[in-house]
C-alpha atoms as a PDB file:
ATOM      1  CA  UNK A   1      99.053 237.030 100.202  1.00  0.00           C
ATOM      2  CA  UNK A   2      97.909 235.747  97.415  1.00  0.00           C
ATOM      3  CA  UNK A   3     101.256 234.426  96.317  1.00  0.00           C
ATOM      4  CA  UNK A   4     101.666 232.457  99.391  1.00  0.00           C
ATOM      5  CA  UNK A   5      98.440 230.704  98.713  1.00  0.00           C
ATOM      6  CA  UNK A   6      99.444 230.147  95.176  1.00  0.00           C
ATOM      7  CA  UNK A   7     102.904 228.379  96.378  1.00  0.00           C
ATOM      8  CA  UNK A   8     101.005 226.057  98.944  1.00  0.00           C
ATOM      9  CA  UNK A   9      98.257 224.927  96.547  1.00  0.00           C
ATOM     10  CA  UNK A  10     101.536 224.010  94.134  1.00  0.00           C
ATOM     11  CA  UNK A  11     103.474 222.133  96.819  1.00  0.00           C
ATOM     12  CA  UNK A  12     100.437 220.018  97.077  1.00  0.00           C
ATOM     13  CA  UNK A  13      99.840 219.375  93.587  1.00  0.00           C
ATOM     14  CA  UNK A  14     103.598 218.286  93.234  1.00  0.00           C
ATOM     15  CA  UNK A  15     103.081 215.969  96.502  1.00  0.00           C
ATOM     16  CA  UNK A  16     100.156 214.087  95.382  1.00  0.00           C
ATOM     17  CA  UNK A  17     101.842 213.647  91.659  1.00  0.00           C
ATOM     18  CA  UNK A  18     104.844 211.741  93.378  1.00  0.00           C
ATOM     19  CA  UNK A  19     102.849 209.952  95.822  1.00  0.00           C
ATOM     20  CA  UNK A  20     100.709 208.493  92.481  1.00  0.00           C
ATOM     21  CA  UNK A  21     103.124 206.791  91.008  1.00  0.00           C
ATOM     22  CA  UNK A  22     105.072 205.166  93.140  1.00  0.00           C
ATOM     23  CA  UNK A  23     102.841 201.979  93.385  1.00  0.00           C
ATOM     24  CA  UNK A  24     103.153 201.823  89.518  1.00  0.00           C
ATOM     25  CA  UNK A  25     107.059 201.880  89.867  1.00  0.00           C
ATOM     26  CA  UNK A  26     106.502 198.986  92.729  1.00  0.00           C
ATOM     27  CA  UNK A  27     104.249 196.692  90.427  1.00  0.00           C
ATOM     28  CA  UNK A  28     107.182 196.760  87.560  1.00  0.00           C
ATOM     29  CA  UNK A  29     110.013 196.035  89.996  1.00  0.00           C
ATOM     30  CA  UNK A  30     107.597 193.336  91.411  1.00  0.00           C
ATOM     31  CA  UNK A  31     107.109 191.531  87.767  1.00  0.00           C
ATOM     32  CA  UNK A  32     110.875 191.536  87.276  1.00  0.00           C
ATOM     33  CA  UNK A  33     111.591 189.508  90.831  1.00  0.00           C
ATOM     34  CA  UNK A  34     111.497 185.990  91.225  1.00  0.00           C
ATOM     35  CA  UNK A  35     109.390 183.729  92.739  1.00  0.00           C
ATOM     36  CA  UNK A  36     112.015 183.153  95.777  1.00  0.00           C
ATOM     37  CA  UNK A  37     112.374 187.068  96.027  1.00  0.00           C
ATOM     38  CA  UNK A  38     108.852 188.233  96.614  1.00  0.00           C
ATOM     39  CA  UNK A  39     109.490 187.389 100.585  1.00  0.00           C
ATOM     40  CA  UNK A  40     112.356 190.206 100.211  1.00  0.00           C
ATOM     41  CA  UNK A  41     110.117 192.632  98.773  1.00  0.00           C
ATOM     42  CA  UNK A  42     107.619 192.519 101.200  1.00  0.00           C
ATOM     43  CA  UNK A  43     110.354 193.097 103.838  1.00  0.00           C
ATOM     44  CA  UNK A  44     110.716 196.369 102.607  1.00  0.00           C
ATOM     45  CA  UNK A  45     107.133 197.665 102.981  1.00  0.00           C
ATOM     46  CA  UNK A  46     105.615 198.606 106.497  1.00  0.00           C
ATOM     47  CA  UNK A  47     102.582 196.994 106.147  1.00  0.00           C
ATOM     48  CA  UNK A  48      99.294 198.712 107.827  1.00  0.00           C
ATOM     49  CA  UNK A  49      95.894 199.374 107.262  1.00  0.00           C
ATOM     50  CA  UNK A  50      96.609 202.454 105.304  1.00  0.00           C
ATOM     51  CA  UNK A  51      98.498 200.659 102.497  1.00  0.00           C
ATOM     52  CA  UNK A  52      97.324 197.244 102.687  1.00  0.00           C
ATOM     53  CA  UNK A  53      95.997 197.324  99.437  1.00  0.00           C
ATOM     54  CA  UNK A  54      99.077 198.452  98.133  1.00  0.00           C
ATOM     55  CA  UNK A  55     101.342 195.137  99.385  1.00  0.00           C
ATOM     56  CA  UNK A  56      98.839 192.763  98.171  1.00  0.00           C
ATOM     57  CA  UNK A  57      96.995 193.441  94.712  1.00  0.00           C
ATOM     58  CA  UNK A  58      93.396 192.145  95.445  1.00  0.00           C
ATOM     59  CA  UNK A  59      92.137 192.697  92.169  1.00  0.00           C
ATOM     60  CA  UNK A  60      93.495 189.297  91.131  1.00  0.00           C
ATOM     61  CA  UNK A  61      92.359 187.543  94.327  1.00  0.00           C
ATOM     62  CA  UNK A  62      90.167 184.963  92.669  1.00  0.00           C
ATOM     63  CA  UNK A  63      92.616 184.099  90.321  1.00  0.00           C
ATOM     64  CA  UNK A  64      94.970 183.227  93.021  1.00  0.00           C
ATOM     65  CA  UNK A  65      92.810 180.964  94.604  1.00  0.00           C
ATOM     66  CA  UNK A  66      91.548 178.891  92.107  1.00  0.00           C
ATOM     67  CA  UNK A  67      93.634 175.651  91.750  1.00  0.00           C
ATOM     68  CA  UNK A  68      90.966 173.595  90.118  1.00  0.00           C
ATOM     69  CA  UNK A  69      92.984 173.577  86.730  1.00  0.00           C
ATOM     70  CA  UNK A  70      96.147 172.556  88.815  1.00  0.00           C
ATOM     71  CA  UNK A  71      94.984 169.112  90.272  1.00  0.00           C
ATOM     72  CA  UNK A  72      97.215 166.636  89.158  1.00  0.00           C
ATOM     73  CA  UNK A  73      95.191 163.832  87.158  1.00  0.00           C
ATOM     74  CA  UNK A  74      94.795 160.525  88.611  1.00  0.00           C
ATOM     75  CA  UNK A  75      94.772 157.162  86.889  1.00  0.00           C
ATOM     76  CA  UNK A  76      92.898 154.308  88.441  1.00  0.00           C
ATOM     77  CA  UNK A  77      94.450 151.252  87.525  1.00  0.00           C
ATOM     78  CA  UNK A  78      93.952 147.352  88.936  1.00  0.00           C
ATOM     79  CA  UNK A  79      96.269 145.268  90.295  1.00  0.00           C
ATOM     80  CA  UNK A  80      94.148 142.094  89.804  1.00  0.00           C
ATOM     81  CA  UNK A  81      93.305 141.077  86.290  1.00  0.00           C
ATOM     82  CA  UNK A  82      89.639 141.095  85.619  1.00  0.00           C
ATOM     83  CA  UNK A  83      88.027 137.455  85.470  1.00  0.00           C
ATOM     84  CA  UNK A  84      86.643 136.423  82.522  1.00  0.00           C
ATOM     85  CA  UNK A  85      83.021 134.641  83.236  1.00  0.00           C
ATOM     86  CA  UNK A  86      81.943 131.825  81.248  1.00  0.00           C
ATOM     87  CA  UNK A  87      85.028 130.986  79.761  1.00  0.00           C
ATOM     88  CA  UNK A  88      85.225 127.672  77.740  1.00  0.00           C
ATOM     89  CA  UNK A  89      88.997 127.125  78.094  1.00  0.00           C
ATOM     90  CA  UNK A  90      90.469 126.035  81.800  1.00  0.00           C
ATOM     91  CA  UNK A  91      94.033 126.381  82.510  1.00  0.00           C
ATOM     92  CA  UNK A  92      93.951 123.346  84.822  1.00  0.00           C
ATOM     93  CA  UNK A  93      93.541 119.873  83.461  1.00  0.00           C
ATOM     94  CA  UNK A  94      91.678 117.465  85.771  1.00  0.00           C
ATOM     95  CA  UNK A  95      93.665 114.249  86.392  1.00  0.00           C
ATOM     96  CA  UNK A  96      91.129 111.515  84.809  1.00  0.00           C
ATOM     97  CA  UNK A  97      90.438 109.088  87.965  1.00  0.00           C
ATOM     98  CA  UNK A  98      90.259 105.374  87.403  1.00  0.00           C
ATOM     99  CA  UNK A  99      87.312 103.786  87.888  1.00  0.00           C
ATOM    100  CA  UNK A 100      88.783 101.407  89.875  1.00  0.00           C
ATOM    101  CA  UNK A 101      90.814 102.479  93.267  1.00  0.00           C
ATOM    102  CA  UNK A 102      94.330 101.555  93.540  1.00  0.00           C
ATOM    103  CA  UNK A 103      95.390  99.889  96.697  1.00  0.00           C
ATOM    104  CA  UNK A 104      98.848  99.734  98.186  1.00  0.00           C
ATOM    105  CA  UNK A 105     100.438  96.624  98.828  1.00  0.00           C
ATOM    106  CA  UNK A 106     100.953  96.379 102.425  1.00  0.00           C
ATOM    107  CA  UNK A 107     104.020  94.885 103.856  1.00  0.00           C
ATOM    108  CA  UNK A 108     102.803  94.129 107.169  1.00  0.00           C
ATOM    109  CA  UNK A 109     103.624  90.207 108.786  1.00  0.00           C
ATOM    110  CA  UNK A 110     101.096  87.601 107.065  1.00  0.00           C
ATOM    111  CA  UNK A 111      99.507  90.153 104.427  1.00  0.00           C
ATOM    112  CA  UNK A 112      99.693  86.906 101.608  1.00  0.00           C
ATOM    113  CA  UNK A 113      98.373  86.809  97.892  1.00  0.00           C
ATOM    114  CA  UNK A 114      96.789  83.417  98.700  1.00  0.00           C
ATOM    115  CA  UNK A 115      93.342  83.891  99.995  1.00  0.00           C
ATOM    116  CA  UNK A 116      91.279  82.414 103.340  1.00  0.00           C
ATOM    117  CA  UNK A 117      87.961  80.707 102.863  1.00  0.00           C
ATOM    118  CA  UNK A 118      86.332  83.923 102.535  1.00  0.00           C
ATOM    119  CA  UNK A 119      88.317  85.088  99.388  1.00  0.00           C
ATOM    120  CA  UNK A 120      90.702  87.687 101.206  1.00  0.00           C
ATOM    121  CA  UNK A 121      94.175  87.629 102.501  1.00  0.00           C
ATOM    122  CA  UNK A 122      94.689  85.926 105.880  1.00  0.00           C
ATOM    123  CA  UNK A 123      95.516  88.907 108.083  1.00  0.00           C
ATOM    124  CA  UNK A 124      92.544  90.800 106.480  1.00  0.00           C
ATOM    125  CA  UNK A 125      90.267  88.059 108.046  1.00  0.00           C
ATOM    126  CA  UNK A 126      92.478  87.085 111.303  1.00  0.00           C
ATOM    127  CA  UNK A 127      94.384  89.278 113.152  1.00  0.00           C
ATOM    128  CA  UNK A 128      98.122  88.979 113.059  1.00  0.00           C
ATOM    129  CA  UNK A 129     100.482  90.175 115.915  1.00  0.00           C
ATOM    130  CA  UNK A 130     103.644  89.586 115.601  1.00  0.00           C
ATOM    131  CA  UNK A 131     104.534  86.104 115.097  1.00  0.00           C
ATOM    132  CA  UNK A 132     100.578  84.780 116.418  1.00  0.00           C
ATOM    133  CA  UNK A 133      97.853  84.738 114.354  1.00  0.00           C
ATOM    134  CA  UNK A 134      94.360  85.056 115.674  1.00  0.00           C
ATOM    135  CA  UNK A 135      91.608  83.787 113.503  1.00  0.00           C
ATOM    136  CA  UNK A 136      88.928  82.899 116.600  1.00  0.00           C
ATOM    137  CA  UNK A 137      85.020  82.942 115.372  1.00  0.00           C
ATOM    138  CA  UNK A 138      85.762  83.922 111.885  1.00  0.00           C
ATOM    139  CA  UNK A 139      83.630  81.432 110.155  1.00  0.00           C
ATOM    140  CA  UNK A 140      86.532  79.725 108.444  1.00  0.00           C
ATOM    141  CA  UNK A 141      85.740  76.210 106.982  1.00  0.00           C
ATOM    142  CA  UNK A 142      89.768  75.775 106.318  1.00  0.00           C
ATOM    143  CA  UNK A 143      92.960  76.305 107.646  1.00  0.00           C
ATOM    144  CA  UNK A 144      93.944  79.689 106.243  1.00  0.00           C
ATOM    145  CA  UNK A 145      97.469  80.266 104.682  1.00  0.00           C
ATOM    146  CA  UNK A 146      99.546  81.377 107.248  1.00  0.00           C
ATOM    147  CA  UNK A 147     102.993  83.584 107.380  1.00  0.00           C
ATOM    148  CA  UNK A 148     105.877  81.494 107.057  1.00  0.00           C
ATOM    149  CA  UNK A 149     107.288  83.184 110.517  1.00  0.00           C
ATOM    150  CA  UNK A 150     103.678  81.610 112.361  1.00  0.00           C
ATOM    151  CA  UNK A 151     104.595  80.675 115.984  1.00  0.00           C
ATOM    152  CA  UNK A 152     100.993  80.395 117.595  1.00  0.00           C
ATOM    153  CA  UNK A 153      98.023  79.636 115.370  1.00  0.00           C
ATOM    154  CA  UNK A 154      94.263  80.127 117.501  1.00  0.00           C
ATOM    155  CA  UNK A 155      91.599  79.432 115.128  1.00  0.00           C
ATOM    156  CA  UNK A 156      88.958  78.346 117.834  1.00  0.00           C
ATOM    157  CA  UNK A 157      85.398  78.460 117.123  1.00  0.00           C
ATOM    158  CA  UNK A 158      84.775  78.056 113.543  1.00  0.00           C
ATOM    159  CA  UNK A 159      83.761  75.456 111.247  1.00  0.00           C
ATOM    160  CA  UNK A 160      86.922  73.777 110.096  1.00  0.00           C
ATOM    161  CA  UNK A 161      86.434  70.048 109.473  1.00  0.00           C
ATOM    162  CA  UNK A 162      89.511  68.575 108.111  1.00  0.00           C
ATOM    163  CA  UNK A 163      93.317  69.163 107.952  1.00  0.00           C
ATOM    164  CA  UNK A 164      95.236  68.377 105.044  1.00  0.00           C
ATOM    165  CA  UNK A 165      98.694  67.340 104.706  1.00  0.00           C
ATOM    166  CA  UNK A 166      99.754  70.782 103.056  1.00  0.00           C
ATOM    167  CA  UNK A 167      98.254  73.282 105.529  1.00  0.00           C
ATOM    168  CA  UNK A 168     101.168  73.690 107.522  1.00  0.00           C
ATOM    169  CA  UNK A 169     103.570  73.295 105.445  1.00  0.00           C
ATOM    170  CA  UNK A 170     106.995  74.867 105.393  1.00  0.00           C
ATOM    171  CA  UNK A 171     105.880  76.358 109.070  1.00  0.00           C
ATOM    172  CA  UNK A 172     109.211  75.452 110.794  1.00  0.00           C
ATOM    173  CA  UNK A 173     108.549  77.556 113.439  1.00  0.00           C
ATOM    174  CA  UNK A 174     104.844  76.819 114.605  1.00  0.00           C
ATOM    175  CA  UNK A 175     104.865  75.844 118.147  1.00  0.00           C
ATOM    176  CA  UNK A 176     101.419  75.944 119.263  1.00  0.00           C
ATOM    177  CA  UNK A 177      97.913  74.959 117.006  1.00  0.00           C
ATOM    178  CA  UNK A 178      94.684  75.723 118.862  1.00  0.00           C
ATOM    179  CA  UNK A 179      91.451  74.608 117.067  1.00  0.00           C
ATOM    180  CA  UNK A 180      89.343  74.267 119.863  1.00  0.00           C
ATOM    181  CA  UNK A 181      85.583  73.958 118.954  1.00  0.00           C
ATOM    182  CA  UNK A 182      85.646  73.283 115.409  1.00  0.00           C
ATOM    183  CA  UNK A 183      84.019  70.249 113.721  1.00  0.00           C
ATOM    184  CA  UNK A 184      87.293  68.519 112.948  1.00  0.00           C
ATOM    185  CA  UNK A 185      86.665  64.991 111.885  1.00  0.00           C
ATOM    186  CA  UNK A 186      90.082  64.004 109.811  1.00  0.00           C
ATOM    187  CA  UNK A 187      93.549  64.870 110.313  1.00  0.00           C
ATOM    188  CA  UNK A 188      96.057  63.856 107.535  1.00  0.00           C
ATOM    189  CA  UNK A 189      98.810  61.778 108.780  1.00  0.00           C
ATOM    190  CA  UNK A 190     101.537  64.373 107.298  1.00  0.00           C
ATOM    191  CA  UNK A 191      99.769  67.545 108.232  1.00  0.00           C
ATOM    192  CA  UNK A 192     101.524  67.583 111.488  1.00  0.00           C
ATOM    193  CA  UNK A 193     104.387  65.227 111.493  1.00  0.00           C
ATOM    194  CA  UNK A 194     106.815  67.374 109.700  1.00  0.00           C
ATOM    195  CA  UNK A 195     106.305  70.108 112.153  1.00  0.00           C
ATOM    196  CA  UNK A 196     109.682  70.141 113.879  1.00  0.00           C
ATOM    197  CA  UNK A 197     108.828  72.749 116.609  1.00  0.00           C
ATOM    198  CA  UNK A 198     105.310  71.802 117.464  1.00  0.00           C
ATOM    199  CA  UNK A 199     105.223  71.781 121.453  1.00  0.00           C
ATOM    200  CA  UNK A 200     101.209  72.280 122.057  1.00  0.00           C
ATOM    201  CA  UNK A 201      98.399  70.740 120.165  1.00  0.00           C
ATOM    202  CA  UNK A 202      94.941  71.822 121.523  1.00  0.00           C
ATOM    203  CA  UNK A 203      92.052  69.866 119.700  1.00  0.00           C
ATOM    204  CA  UNK A 204      89.134  69.863 122.526  1.00  0.00           C
ATOM    205  CA  UNK A 205      85.621  69.823 121.408  1.00  0.00           C
ATOM    206  CA  UNK A 206      85.634  68.368 117.975  1.00  0.00           C
ATOM    207  CA  UNK A 207      84.991  65.071 116.438  1.00  0.00           C
ATOM    208  CA  UNK A 208      87.964  63.161 116.064  1.00  0.00           C
ATOM    209  CA  UNK A 209      87.889  59.381 116.125  1.00  0.00           C
ATOM    210  CA  UNK A 210      91.765  58.576 115.619  1.00  0.00           C
ATOM    211  CA  UNK A 211      94.825  60.441 116.673  1.00  0.00           C
ATOM    212  CA  UNK A 212      97.141  61.194 113.773  1.00  0.00           C
ATOM    213  CA  UNK A 213     100.978  60.979 113.559  1.00  0.00           C
ATOM    214  CA  UNK A 214     102.458  63.444 115.731  1.00  0.00           C
ATOM    215  CA  UNK A 215     106.191  64.893 115.750  1.00  0.00           C
ATOM    216  CA  UNK A 216     108.481  63.814 118.617  1.00  0.00           C
ATOM    217  CA  UNK A 217     108.563  67.331 120.145  1.00  0.00           C
ATOM    218  CA  UNK A 218     104.789  67.420 121.044  1.00  0.00           C
ATOM    219  CA  UNK A 219     104.640  68.434 125.256  1.00  0.00           C
ATOM    220  CA  UNK A 220     101.084  68.970 125.423  1.00  0.00           C
ATOM    221  CA  UNK A 221      98.432  67.133 123.522  1.00  0.00           C
ATOM    222  CA  UNK A 222      94.636  67.953 124.702  1.00  0.00           C
ATOM    223  CA  UNK A 223      92.082  66.047 122.725  1.00  0.00           C
ATOM    224  CA  UNK A 224      89.176  66.305 125.315  1.00  0.00           C
ATOM    225  CA  UNK A 225      85.447  66.202 124.053  1.00  0.00           C
ATOM    226  CA  UNK A 226      86.114  64.276 120.636  1.00  0.00           C
ATOM    227  CA  UNK A 227      84.769  61.008 119.353  1.00  0.00           C
ATOM    228  CA  UNK A 228      88.129  59.361 120.296  1.00  0.00           C
ATOM    229  CA  UNK A 229      88.177  55.467 120.426  1.00  0.00           C
ATOM    230  CA  UNK A 230      90.959  53.231 121.999  1.00  0.00           C
ATOM    231  CA  UNK A 231      91.403  51.565 118.223  1.00  0.00           C
ATOM    232  CA  UNK A 232      91.964  55.178 117.073  1.00  0.00           C
ATOM    233  CA  UNK A 233      94.943  55.350 118.848  1.00  0.00           C
ATOM    234  CA  UNK A 234      98.103  53.429 117.315  1.00  0.00           C
ATOM    235  CA  UNK A 235     100.400  51.275 119.199  1.00  0.00           C
ATOM    236  CA  UNK A 236     103.870  52.627 120.534  1.00  0.00           C
ATOM    237  CA  UNK A 237     102.213  56.031 119.126  1.00  0.00           C
ATOM    238  CA  UNK A 238     102.439  57.608 122.542  1.00  0.00           C
ATOM    239  CA  UNK A 239     105.809  55.836 124.000  1.00  0.00           C
ATOM    240  CA  UNK A 240     107.471  57.449 120.635  1.00  0.00           C
ATOM    241  CA  UNK A 241     106.426  61.374 122.126  1.00  0.00           C
ATOM    242  CA  UNK A 242     109.755  61.419 124.080  1.00  0.00           C
ATOM    243  CA  UNK A 243     108.897  64.723 125.191  1.00  0.00           C
ATOM    244  CA  UNK A 244     104.945  64.659 126.266  1.00  0.00           C
ATOM    245  CA  UNK A 245     104.029  65.629 129.877  1.00  0.00           C
ATOM    246  CA  UNK A 246     100.156  66.512 129.594  1.00  0.00           C
ATOM    247  CA  UNK A 247      98.109  64.034 127.992  1.00  0.00           C
ATOM    248  CA  UNK A 248      94.196  65.091 128.125  1.00  0.00           C
ATOM    249  CA  UNK A 249      91.795  62.532 126.649  1.00  0.00           C
ATOM    250  CA  UNK A 250      88.776  63.011 128.890  1.00  0.00           C
ATOM    251  CA  UNK A 251      85.284  62.902 127.404  1.00  0.00           C
ATOM    252  CA  UNK A 252      86.025  60.426 124.826  1.00  0.00           C
ATOM    253  CA  UNK A 253      84.810  56.531 123.934  1.00  0.00           C
ATOM    254  CA  UNK A 254      87.804  55.191 125.301  1.00  0.00           C
ATOM    255  CA  UNK A 255      87.799  51.504 126.777  1.00  0.00           C
ATOM    256  CA  UNK A 256      91.290  50.750 128.013  1.00  0.00           C
ATOM    257  CA  UNK A 257      93.824  53.011 129.314  1.00  0.00           C
ATOM    258  CA  UNK A 258      96.182  53.890 125.946  1.00  0.00           C
ATOM    259  CA  UNK A 259      99.806  52.823 126.233  1.00  0.00           C
ATOM    260  CA  UNK A 260     102.522  52.027 126.847  1.00  0.00           C
ATOM    261  CA  UNK A 261     103.317  55.634 128.035  1.00  0.00           C
ATOM    262  CA  UNK A 262     106.232  57.787 127.418  1.00  0.00           C
ATOM    263  CA  UNK A 263     108.283  58.301 130.716  1.00  0.00           C
ATOM    264  CA  UNK A 264     108.432  61.666 130.447  1.00  0.00           C
ATOM    265  CA  UNK A 265     104.223  62.119 131.298  1.00  0.00           C
ATOM    266  CA  UNK A 266     103.514  64.235 134.143  1.00  0.00           C
ATOM    267  CA  UNK A 267      99.559  64.293 133.904  1.00  0.00           C
ATOM    268  CA  UNK A 268      97.024  62.005 132.202  1.00  0.00           C
ATOM    269  CA  UNK A 269      93.314  62.647 132.418  1.00  0.00           C
ATOM    270  CA  UNK A 270      91.091  60.233 131.217  1.00  0.00           C
ATOM    271  CA  UNK A 271      87.856  60.585 133.070  1.00  0.00           C
ATOM    272  CA  UNK A 272      84.275  60.254 131.722  1.00  0.00           C
ATOM    273  CA  UNK A 273      85.288  57.472 129.011  1.00  0.00           C
ATOM    274  CA  UNK A 274      84.306  53.813 129.188  1.00  0.00           C
ATOM    275  CA  UNK A 275      86.986  52.345 130.721  1.00  0.00           C
ATOM    276  CA  UNK A 276      86.159  49.050 132.531  1.00  0.00           C
ATOM    277  CA  UNK A 277      89.532  47.218 133.150  1.00  0.00           C
ATOM    278  CA  UNK A 278      93.337  47.875 132.875  1.00  0.00           C
ATOM    279  CA  UNK A 279      96.748  45.729 132.007  1.00  0.00           C
ATOM    280  CA  UNK A 280      98.670  45.250 135.617  1.00  0.00           C
ATOM    281  CA  UNK A 281     101.381  46.749 133.438  1.00  0.00           C
ATOM    282  CA  UNK A 282      99.711  50.044 132.204  1.00  0.00           C
ATOM    283  CA  UNK A 283     101.589  52.405 134.556  1.00  0.00           C
ATOM    284  CA  UNK A 284     104.391  50.183 136.022  1.00  0.00           C
ATOM    285  CA  UNK A 285     106.648  47.607 134.608  1.00  0.00           C
ATOM    286  CA  UNK A 286     105.591  44.438 136.336  1.00  0.00           C
ATOM    287  CA  UNK A 287     109.110  43.021 135.747  1.00  0.00           C
ATOM    288  CA  UNK A 288     111.070  45.672 137.240  1.00  0.00           C
ATOM    289  CA  UNK A 289     109.681  46.429 140.683  1.00  0.00           C
ATOM    290  CA  UNK A 290     112.397  49.047 140.968  1.00  0.00           C
ATOM    291  CA  UNK A 291     110.821  50.974 138.256  1.00  0.00           C
ATOM    292  CA  UNK A 292     109.208  54.163 139.481  1.00  0.00           C
ATOM    293  CA  UNK A 293     107.326  57.027 137.690  1.00  0.00           C
ATOM    294  CA  UNK A 294     107.690  60.018 140.010  1.00  0.00           C
ATOM    295  CA  UNK A 295     106.930  62.551 137.315  1.00  0.00           C
ATOM    296  CA  UNK A 296     103.333  60.885 136.718  1.00  0.00           C
ATOM    297  CA  UNK A 297     101.536  62.710 139.685  1.00  0.00           C
ATOM    298  CA  UNK A 298      98.197  63.375 138.359  1.00  0.00           C
ATOM    299  CA  UNK A 299      96.357  60.430 136.720  1.00  0.00           C
ATOM    300  CA  UNK A 300      92.307  60.891 136.784  1.00  0.00           C
ATOM    301  CA  UNK A 301      89.734  58.063 135.822  1.00  0.00           C
ATOM    302  CA  UNK A 302      86.658  59.675 137.563  1.00  0.00           C
ATOM    303  CA  UNK A 303      83.594  59.075 135.790  1.00  0.00           C
ATOM    304  CA  UNK A 304      84.752  55.814 134.200  1.00  0.00           C
ATOM    305  CA  UNK A 305      82.894  52.413 135.262  1.00  0.00           C
ATOM    306  CA  UNK A 306      86.713  50.895 136.398  1.00  0.00           C
ATOM    307  CA  UNK A 307      86.862  49.858 139.863  1.00  0.00           C
ATOM    308  CA  UNK A 308      90.583  50.811 140.914  1.00  0.00           C
ATOM    309  CA  UNK A 309      90.393  48.467 143.979  1.00  0.00           C
ATOM    310  CA  UNK A 310      90.767  45.588 141.690  1.00  0.00           C
ATOM    311  CA  UNK A 311      94.161  46.413 140.449  1.00  0.00           C
ATOM    312  CA  UNK A 312      96.338  47.040 143.329  1.00  0.00           C
ATOM    313  CA  UNK A 313      99.511  45.945 141.438  1.00  0.00           C
ATOM    314  CA  UNK A 314      99.259  48.378 138.685  1.00  0.00           C
ATOM    315  CA  UNK A 315      99.921  51.613 141.009  1.00  0.00           C
ATOM    316  CA  UNK A 316     103.113  50.275 142.818  1.00  0.00           C
ATOM    317  CA  UNK A 317     105.372  52.764 140.867  1.00  0.00           C
ATOM    318  CA  UNK A 318     103.373  55.837 140.827  1.00  0.00           C
ATOM    319  CA  UNK A 319     104.255  58.352 143.604  1.00  0.00           C
ATOM    320  CA  UNK A 320     100.385  59.034 144.128  1.00  0.00           C
ATOM    321  CA  UNK A 321      97.301  56.902 143.469  1.00  0.00           C
ATOM    322  CA  UNK A 322      95.027  57.697 140.313  1.00  0.00           C
ATOM    323  CA  UNK A 323      91.624  59.636 141.069  1.00  0.00           C
ATOM    324  CA  UNK A 324      88.649  57.206 140.639  1.00  0.00           C
ATOM    325  CA  UNK A 325      86.083  54.838 141.904  1.00  0.00           C
ATOM    326  CA  UNK A 326      87.438  52.471 144.301  1.00  0.00           C
ATOM    327  CA  UNK A 327      85.477  49.172 145.743  1.00  0.00           C
END
């Protein structure tokens, strides 16, 4: 009986010794295995509550979870170079501005170097549109320098007193001059005579006492409301105007009907003058009774002291009787 108990105790002691050596042998094998074989080793264990402390060595848990010393070092750098405040040097050299601004030279029609009476180029004082120049109500005292291509000039309501010989020099395309409502008292003979294309000369409300020499191309001549006298119209001056169609001489100081008149004339306005009498051939050729002026349909003599009934033979060639006081 005692022998049986002794053998049982001996067997238990041997079994405990073999079990205690097993974790040490596994620990030595784990150290020899690589990191990639760790999961292969764990597959050989039957993980449970009884052997959990054998599979995972909890004694070194703190070392496994402390990653503070393994964090990568971060270096902060800036992509923008630092700005230096108070630098005394500049990389950009400012352009030196001229004390007087430079203006580009315009190339538009009529912007000439010659100044007007204002001291400015003509088309800065006037308005230049195509071949027309408008200088109305700009306080001009003289005819301004004009572009060579000027065809129409309007310089009304100014203070121009005289037209000089060189004012229109070289303006071969000039067709119309309108200088209404100025103070013109004198026109040089060569100022208009050499304008080959001039058709309309408009000069009402000025102070002219005589007519200048005009080019034969004139078709419209308007000299109303001036101080024009009969002595201021040269003999044969109107007959030389072979293209003249409209002659307006109303509101002047004429004491006779100007003539001889050109055959081309269509309208003659002489109202509000000082005409008291007329010649028998003022309109018709008294020696040629077959002569007729069919184009001259508009003659106005109203506002004059003349009695048209006293001169019946003076109208036989006209298609219509003049307008005026009769009887």
